[in-house]
Amino acid sequence: MKIFFIQTASKIDYVVNNDKNILINLTFEQIVKKYSFFGFISLFGINDKMLFTGSDLDFFSNVTNSKFIQTKWANENSFKYSEENWQKEILAAQIEYFQPDVIYTGNHGLFTQELKKYLPKVKLYALWNASPMQEGIDLSYFDVGLTFNSIYHEHLQKRGIKNIEYNSFYIDSDIKNRLESMNLNQDIDIVFAGRYSPMFKDRNQFLYDVYEYFKKDYNVQYFLLTASRFKGLIPVLPWRLLSVYNKPVFLEDMFKVFNRSKIVLNTHSNITGSGKGNMRVYEALGSGSFMLSDDGIYPEYLVAGEDFVTYKDKKDMIDKIDYFLKHDKEREEVALNGYKKISQYYSTDIGSKNLKKIFERYL
């Protein structure tokens, strides 16, 4: 089976610009594998070892919204494209070149019905979704939808996708070994990396409470993707949080931050209800980190209190942060349990096989 993964990243230009001196000497495939090496696509169940292999289960992945990466492929394949329409033209040429059975994407905003009509036809169109979507949009042009949460399951059905399959996130379990080989110092006590916006009112308050309680005695650091003002110079945050604010981190840099931290904080969007299991669960546990997260129903096999720790309210959260910062051995045991469990049940080897089984039902 040949699966074409249409991959996008909202901050890919930010990442690419920082890496251009390295990337200029790499091929298209080397660049995609470089970013895949630290979880770029593993969350979707794609095994980076199966990229561009020509094997029975073969993945092609790009970064559709990165002009630098996409034009690398075009130039290597002597494909001529127009400047005004480079994204669609290169994507169409890649699909024509790979001849996939399945187009799989996590970005319904980019892969619209109009884009589908423009691209070469394939047998099956699949959409992964794990975030809120606008009301009233029509996604009936997808053959199957994949998601980890029953609420998102309903959202996909309401938007016209008849066939919905449960599929969790996954993670490349080799990430922990790569991080350990770097010998990074564990110099951060409490960390959060993610989005800060009005959409996450509970999370915003949670981050403020942690900062207020622990700022004097511990190193608290937040790596936040948030709005900015004054020509992008000042992030939109309570002014007290500016002392612990850092620019957002992605890919390898994010995993390095997790590896440097004693406690990785996590919280879910209110929309998910009691069902938990966002990508940060897999990223934190997959990096071998200790995770403290909000109480709820987590994916099968992951056990709160053994593989990670949950909190029920502000007092419980503060008490558990305080306890586990003072009990290194217990914290490290929980982190190791979480890594073993996520590696056993949610590796990309398992994820790729599950994708194959799902797609075979519809081909």
Protein backbone atom coordinates (compact mmCIF):
# COMPACT_ATOMS: atom_id res chain seq x y z
CA MET A 1 0.00 0.00 0.00
CA LYS A 2 1.26 3.46 -0.90
CA ILE A 3 0.19 6.30 1.40
CA PHE A 4 0.81 9.95 0.51
CA PHE A 5 0.81 12.10 3.65
CA ILE A 6 0.05 15.75 2.99
CA GLN A 7 1.91 17.33 5.83
CA THR A 8 1.76 20.95 6.94
CA ALA A 9 3.22 22.84 9.87
CA SER A 10 1.98 26.24 10.98
CA LYS A 11 5.47 27.46 11.96
CA ILE A 12 7.50 25.62 9.35
CA ASP A 13 8.96 28.83 7.89
CA TYR A 14 10.21 29.77 11.37
CA VAL A 15 11.91 26.37 11.73
CA VAL A 16 13.28 26.28 8.18
CA ASN A 17 14.74 29.79 8.40
CA ASN A 18 16.70 28.79 11.50
CA ASP A 19 18.01 25.67 9.77
CA LYS A 20 18.70 26.99 6.26
CA ASN A 21 22.48 26.77 6.54
CA ILE A 22 22.11 23.03 7.21
CA LEU A 23 19.22 22.35 4.85
CA ILE A 24 20.83 23.94 1.81
CA ASN A 25 23.14 20.93 1.48
CA LEU A 26 20.46 18.26 2.06
CA THR A 27 18.15 16.58 -0.43
CA PHE A 28 14.36 16.74 -0.21
CA GLU A 29 14.19 13.25 1.31
CA GLN A 30 16.93 14.03 3.81
CA ILE A 31 15.11 17.17 4.94
CA VAL A 32 11.78 15.37 5.44
CA LYS A 33 13.54 12.58 7.34
CA LYS A 34 15.44 15.11 9.45
CA TYR A 35 12.22 16.64 10.72
CA SER A 36 10.50 13.26 10.97
CA PHE A 37 13.37 12.09 13.19
CA PHE A 38 11.88 14.01 16.10
CA GLY A 39 8.20 13.22 15.93
CA PHE A 40 7.15 15.44 13.03
CA ILE A 41 4.95 12.75 11.47
CA SER A 42 5.01 9.90 13.98
CA LEU A 43 2.03 11.38 15.83
CA PHE A 44 -0.11 10.49 12.81
CA GLY A 45 1.01 6.86 12.88
CA ILE A 46 3.63 7.19 10.18
CA ASN A 47 6.87 5.33 10.68
CA ASP A 48 9.77 7.43 9.40
CA LYS A 49 11.67 4.22 8.61
CA MET A 50 9.03 3.51 5.95
CA LEU A 51 9.41 6.83 4.14
CA PHE A 52 10.41 6.58 0.48
CA THR A 53 11.26 2.86 0.76
CA GLY A 54 9.32 1.28 -2.10
CA SER A 55 8.29 -1.51 0.28
CA ASP A 56 4.85 -3.13 0.70
CA LEU A 57 3.87 -0.28 3.02
CA ASP A 58 5.45 2.83 1.57
CA PHE A 59 4.96 6.42 2.73
CA PHE A 60 5.63 9.62 0.86
CA SER A 61 5.58 12.75 2.98
CA ASN A 62 6.20 16.35 2.12
CA VAL A 63 5.77 19.70 3.87
CA THR A 64 3.18 21.19 1.56
CA ASN A 65 3.27 24.74 2.92
CA SER A 66 7.06 25.08 2.94
CA LYS A 67 8.22 26.66 -0.30
CA PHE A 68 11.86 25.93 0.54
CA ILE A 69 11.27 22.19 1.05
CA GLN A 70 8.79 21.74 -1.79
CA THR A 71 10.92 23.53 -4.35
CA LYS A 72 13.82 21.29 -3.31
CA TRP A 73 11.79 18.36 -4.64
CA ALA A 74 10.77 20.26 -7.78
CA ASN A 75 14.34 21.22 -8.63
CA GLU A 76 15.65 17.70 -7.98
CA ASN A 77 13.00 16.30 -10.33
CA SER A 78 13.37 19.02 -12.99
CA PHE A 79 9.76 20.08 -12.47
CA LYS A 80 8.86 23.57 -13.64
CA TYR A 81 6.32 25.44 -11.54
CA SER A 82 4.81 28.91 -11.54
CA GLU A 83 5.64 31.28 -8.70
CA GLU A 84 2.00 32.21 -8.12
CA ASN A 85 0.76 28.60 -7.94
CA TRP A 86 3.82 26.67 -6.69
CA GLN A 87 2.04 24.94 -3.80
CA LYS A 88 -0.71 23.27 -5.84
CA GLU A 89 1.50 22.50 -8.83
CA ILE A 90 4.30 20.83 -6.85
CA LEU A 91 1.83 18.87 -4.72
CA ALA A 92 0.06 17.61 -7.86
CA ALA A 93 3.39 16.61 -9.42
CA GLN A 94 4.42 14.72 -6.27
CA ILE A 95 1.17 12.76 -6.24
CA GLU A 96 1.51 11.98 -9.92
CA TYR A 97 5.08 10.81 -9.30
CA PHE A 98 4.26 8.62 -6.27
CA GLN A 99 0.98 7.12 -7.57
CA PRO A 100 -0.48 6.54 -4.10
CA ASP A 101 -3.44 4.41 -3.07
CA VAL A 102 -4.31 6.81 -0.24
CA ILE A 103 -4.03 10.53 0.37
CA TYR A 104 -3.91 11.15 4.10
CA THR A 105 -3.86 14.59 5.73
CA GLY A 106 -4.40 16.32 9.04
CA ASN A 107 -5.21 19.69 7.47
CA HIS A 108 -8.74 20.00 6.08
CA GLY A 109 -8.19 23.74 5.73
CA LEU A 110 -5.54 23.21 3.08
CA PHE A 111 -6.98 20.07 1.48
CA THR A 112 -10.25 21.57 0.31
CA GLN A 113 -12.71 20.14 -2.18
CA GLU A 114 -11.36 22.57 -4.79
CA LEU A 115 -7.82 21.35 -4.21
CA LYS A 116 -8.94 17.73 -4.46
CA LYS A 117 -10.43 18.44 -7.91
CA TYR A 118 -7.14 19.97 -9.03
CA LEU A 119 -4.97 17.02 -7.94
CA PRO A 120 -4.57 13.59 -9.60
CA LYS A 121 -7.26 11.16 -8.41
CA VAL A 122 -6.51 8.38 -5.95
CA LYS A 123 -8.58 5.52 -4.52
CA LEU A 124 -9.04 6.80 -0.95
CA TYR A 125 -9.01 10.17 0.83
CA ALA A 126 -8.50 10.15 4.60
CA LEU A 127 -8.59 12.97 7.16
CA TRP A 128 -7.11 12.96 10.65
CA ASN A 129 -8.61 15.47 13.07
CA ALA A 130 -7.94 16.28 16.72
CA SER A 131 -9.00 19.91 17.09
CA PRO A 132 -12.16 22.04 16.93
CA MET A 133 -13.53 22.88 13.46
CA GLN A 134 -15.87 25.53 12.14
CA GLU A 135 -19.58 24.75 12.09
CA GLY A 136 -21.20 24.13 8.73
CA ILE A 137 -18.16 23.16 6.71
CA ASP A 138 -18.58 20.25 4.28
CA LEU A 139 -15.99 17.44 4.53
CA SER A 140 -18.01 14.84 2.63
CA TYR A 141 -15.31 14.67 -0.03
CA PHE A 142 -13.22 12.58 2.40
CA ASP A 143 -13.88 8.82 2.36
CA VAL A 144 -12.84 8.20 5.95
CA GLY A 145 -12.13 10.28 9.04
CA LEU A 146 -9.75 9.31 11.84
CA THR A 147 -9.75 10.72 15.36
CA PHE A 148 -8.93 9.78 18.95
CA ASN A 149 -11.96 11.23 20.73
CA SER A 150 -15.70 10.48 20.52
CA ILE A 151 -16.51 14.21 20.49
CA TYR A 152 -14.36 14.74 17.40
CA HIS A 153 -15.94 11.58 15.97
CA GLU A 154 -19.32 13.33 16.14
CA HIS A 155 -17.88 16.54 14.68
CA LEU A 156 -16.56 14.70 11.63
CA GLN A 157 -19.88 12.95 11.06
CA LYS A 158 -21.79 16.23 11.32
CA ARG A 159 -19.53 17.64 8.63
CA GLY A 160 -20.35 14.87 6.19
CA ILE A 161 -17.78 12.10 6.64
CA LYS A 162 -19.73 8.82 6.77
CA ASN A 163 -16.91 6.48 7.76
CA ILE A 164 -15.16 7.31 11.04
CA GLU A 165 -12.40 5.24 12.58
CA TYR A 166 -10.83 5.48 16.02
CA ASN A 167 -7.11 6.08 15.82
CA SER A 168 -4.87 7.39 18.58
CA PHE A 169 -1.73 9.45 18.31
CA TYR A 170 1.56 7.54 18.20
CA ILE A 171 5.20 8.36 18.88
CA ASP A 172 8.63 7.23 17.74
CA SER A 173 10.00 5.46 20.82
CA ASP A 174 13.60 6.01 19.68
CA ILE A 175 13.30 9.71 20.54
CA LYS A 176 14.21 9.06 24.19
CA ASN A 177 17.49 7.38 23.21
CA ARG A 178 18.37 10.25 20.87
CA LEU A 179 17.77 12.74 23.66
CA GLU A 180 19.81 10.80 26.19
CA SER A 181 22.76 10.70 23.80
CA MET A 182 22.84 14.53 23.99
CA ASN A 183 23.54 14.51 27.77
CA LEU A 184 21.38 17.56 28.43
CA ASN A 185 21.25 19.01 31.95
CA GLN A 186 17.91 18.79 33.74
CA ASP A 187 17.91 22.49 34.59
CA ILE A 188 14.17 23.25 34.37
CA ASP A 189 11.87 22.25 37.23
CA ILE A 190 8.47 22.92 35.66
CA VAL A 191 7.75 23.42 31.97
CA PHE A 192 4.84 23.93 29.63
CA ALA A 193 5.15 24.10 25.85
CA GLY A 194 2.08 24.90 23.77
CA ARG A 195 -0.52 27.42 22.76
CA TYR A 196 -1.69 30.28 24.98
CA SER A 197 -4.91 31.90 23.72
CA PRO A 198 -8.44 32.89 24.80
CA MET A 199 -9.59 29.48 23.57
CA PHE A 200 -7.81 27.88 26.56
CA LYS A 201 -9.15 29.81 29.54
CA ASP A 202 -8.65 26.98 32.03
CA ARG A 203 -5.12 26.36 30.76
CA ASN A 204 -4.24 30.04 30.98
CA GLN A 205 -5.36 30.18 34.60
CA PHE A 206 -3.58 26.92 35.35
CA LEU A 207 -0.29 28.30 34.04
CA TYR A 208 -0.68 31.49 36.05
CA ASP A 209 -1.44 29.58 39.26
CA VAL A 210 1.64 27.37 38.86
CA TYR A 211 3.82 30.40 38.21
CA GLU A 212 2.50 32.31 41.23
CA TYR A 213 2.99 29.42 43.63
CA PHE A 214 6.42 28.14 42.51
CA LYS A 215 8.20 31.19 41.04
CA LYS A 216 10.34 31.86 44.15
CA ASP A 217 11.65 28.35 44.78
CA TYR A 218 11.79 26.67 41.37
CA ASN A 219 12.75 27.32 37.76
CA VAL A 220 9.45 27.63 35.89
CA GLN A 221 9.63 28.07 32.11
CA TYR A 222 6.81 28.44 29.57
CA PHE A 223 7.43 28.09 25.82
CA LEU A 224 4.30 29.66 24.39
CA LEU A 225 2.76 30.12 20.97
CA THR A 226 0.66 33.23 21.48
CA ALA A 227 -0.43 36.45 19.86
CA SER A 228 1.88 39.46 20.00
CA ARG A 229 1.68 43.24 19.88
CA PHE A 230 3.96 46.19 19.17
CA LYS A 231 5.14 44.79 15.82
CA GLY A 232 5.46 41.30 17.24
CA LEU A 233 7.86 42.31 20.00
CA ILE A 234 5.63 41.76 23.06
CA PRO A 235 3.62 38.55 23.58
CA VAL A 236 -0.01 38.92 24.68
CA LEU A 237 0.31 37.58 28.24
CA PRO A 238 -0.31 38.75 31.80
CA TRP A 239 2.71 40.92 32.50
CA ARG A 240 3.83 38.71 35.41
CA LEU A 241 4.22 35.73 33.05
CA LEU A 242 6.69 37.63 30.87
CA SER A 243 9.47 36.64 33.30
CA VAL A 244 8.99 32.93 32.47
CA TYR A 245 7.97 33.35 28.82
CA ASN A 246 10.08 31.81 26.06
CA LYS A 247 9.47 31.69 22.32
CA PRO A 248 7.64 28.55 21.16
CA VAL A 249 9.68 25.45 20.42
CA PHE A 250 9.02 22.78 17.81
CA LEU A 251 10.35 19.40 16.73
CA GLU A 252 13.77 18.59 18.18
CA ASP A 253 13.90 21.80 20.22
CA MET A 254 10.64 20.93 21.98
CA PHE A 255 11.83 17.45 22.89
CA LYS A 256 15.08 18.89 24.22
CA VAL A 257 13.07 21.18 26.50
CA PHE A 258 11.07 18.21 27.78
CA ASN A 259 14.26 16.27 28.41
CA ARG A 260 15.68 19.18 30.42
CA SER A 261 12.58 19.37 32.63
CA LYS A 262 11.62 17.53 35.81
CA ILE A 263 7.87 18.04 35.31
CA VAL A 264 6.11 18.53 31.97
CA LEU A 265 2.70 20.12 32.46
CA ASN A 266 -0.24 19.16 30.26
CA THR A 267 -3.87 20.17 30.03
CA HIS A 268 -6.56 19.53 27.44
CA SER A 269 -9.00 21.79 25.68
CA ASN A 270 -12.41 21.96 27.37
CA ILE A 271 -14.00 20.66 24.19
CA THR A 272 -12.66 17.12 24.70
CA GLY A 273 -14.78 16.57 27.83
CA SER A 274 -13.62 13.66 29.98
CA GLY A 275 -11.81 12.00 27.08
CA LYS A 276 -8.10 12.80 27.16
CA GLY A 277 -5.14 11.98 24.93
CA ASN A 278 -3.79 15.04 23.13
CA MET A 279 -0.46 14.94 21.30
CA ARG A 280 1.43 16.28 24.33
CA VAL A 281 0.64 13.05 26.19
CA TYR A 282 2.55 11.07 23.57
CA GLU A 283 5.34 13.62 23.19
CA ALA A 284 5.96 13.87 26.93
CA LEU A 285 5.82 10.15 27.67
CA GLY A 286 7.66 9.28 24.46
CA SER A 287 10.55 11.52 25.48
CA GLY A 288 10.78 9.75 28.83
CA SER A 289 9.51 12.75 30.79
CA PHE A 290 7.35 12.93 33.90
CA MET A 291 3.94 14.33 32.94
CA LEU A 292 1.39 15.99 35.21
CA SER A 293 -1.94 16.30 33.39
CA ASP A 294 -5.62 17.02 33.99
CA ASP A 295 -7.86 14.26 35.32
CA GLY A 296 -9.99 12.24 32.89
CA ILE A 297 -10.22 9.12 30.76
CA TYR A 298 -6.91 8.43 29.04
CA PRO A 299 -6.12 6.09 26.14
CA GLU A 300 -6.19 2.37 26.78
CA TYR A 301 -3.19 0.93 28.67
CA LEU A 302 -2.08 4.33 30.05
CA VAL A 303 -2.66 4.32 33.81
CA ALA A 304 -2.75 7.50 35.89
CA GLY A 305 -0.60 7.17 38.99
CA GLU A 306 1.66 4.61 37.32
CA ASP A 307 2.61 6.04 33.91
CA PHE A 308 1.90 9.71 34.63
CA VAL A 309 0.11 11.71 37.32
CA THR A 310 -3.16 13.63 37.11
CA TYR A 311 -4.67 16.47 39.14
CA LYS A 312 -8.34 17.21 39.88
CA ASP A 313 -8.22 20.87 40.88
CA LYS A 314 -5.83 23.72 41.67
CA LYS A 315 -4.94 22.49 45.17
CA ASP A 316 -4.35 18.94 43.94
CA MET A 317 -2.17 20.23 41.13
CA ILE A 318 -0.04 22.40 43.43
CA ASP A 319 0.33 19.59 45.99
CA LYS A 320 1.46 17.08 43.38
CA ILE A 321 3.96 19.42 41.76
CA ASP A 322 5.41 20.15 45.18
CA TYR A 323 5.54 16.44 46.12
CA PHE A 324 7.17 15.16 42.95
CA LEU A 325 9.75 17.92 42.82
CA LYS A 326 10.87 16.72 46.27
CA HIS A 327 10.78 12.99 45.46
CA ASP A 328 13.14 12.40 42.56
CA LYS A 329 13.11 8.61 42.66
CA GLU A 330 9.30 8.33 42.52
CA ARG A 331 9.12 10.91 39.74
CA GLU A 332 11.74 9.08 37.68
CA GLU A 333 10.00 5.73 38.18
CA VAL A 334 6.70 7.13 36.91
CA ALA A 335 8.44 8.69 33.90
CA LEU A 336 10.13 5.39 33.03
CA ASN A 337 6.82 3.50 33.37
CA GLY A 338 5.16 5.99 31.04
CA TYR A 339 7.89 5.64 28.45
CA LYS A 340 7.73 1.84 28.54
CA LYS A 341 3.94 1.83 28.21
CA ILE A 342 3.79 4.34 25.35
CA SER A 343 6.57 2.45 23.54
CA GLN A 344 4.80 -0.88 23.97
CA TYR A 345 1.34 0.15 22.80
CA TYR A 346 1.69 3.38 20.81
CA SER A 347 4.89 3.13 18.78
CA THR A 348 4.96 4.18 15.15
CA ASP A 349 5.49 0.53 14.19
CA ILE A 350 2.04 -0.19 15.65
CA GLY A 351 0.60 3.04 14.25
CA SER A 352 1.65 2.25 10.68
CA LYS A 353 0.15 -1.24 10.87
CA ASN A 354 -3.11 0.19 12.22
CA LEU A 355 -3.28 2.73 9.41
CA LYS A 356 -2.79 -0.04 6.87
CA LYS A 357 -5.62 -2.11 8.42
CA ILE A 358 -7.98 0.87 8.47
CA PHE A 359 -7.30 1.92 4.89
CA GLU A 360 -7.55 -1.65 3.57
CA ARG A 361 -11.16 -1.77 4.75
CA TYR A 362 -12.07 0.99 2.32
CA LEU A 363 -9.88 0.27 -0.68
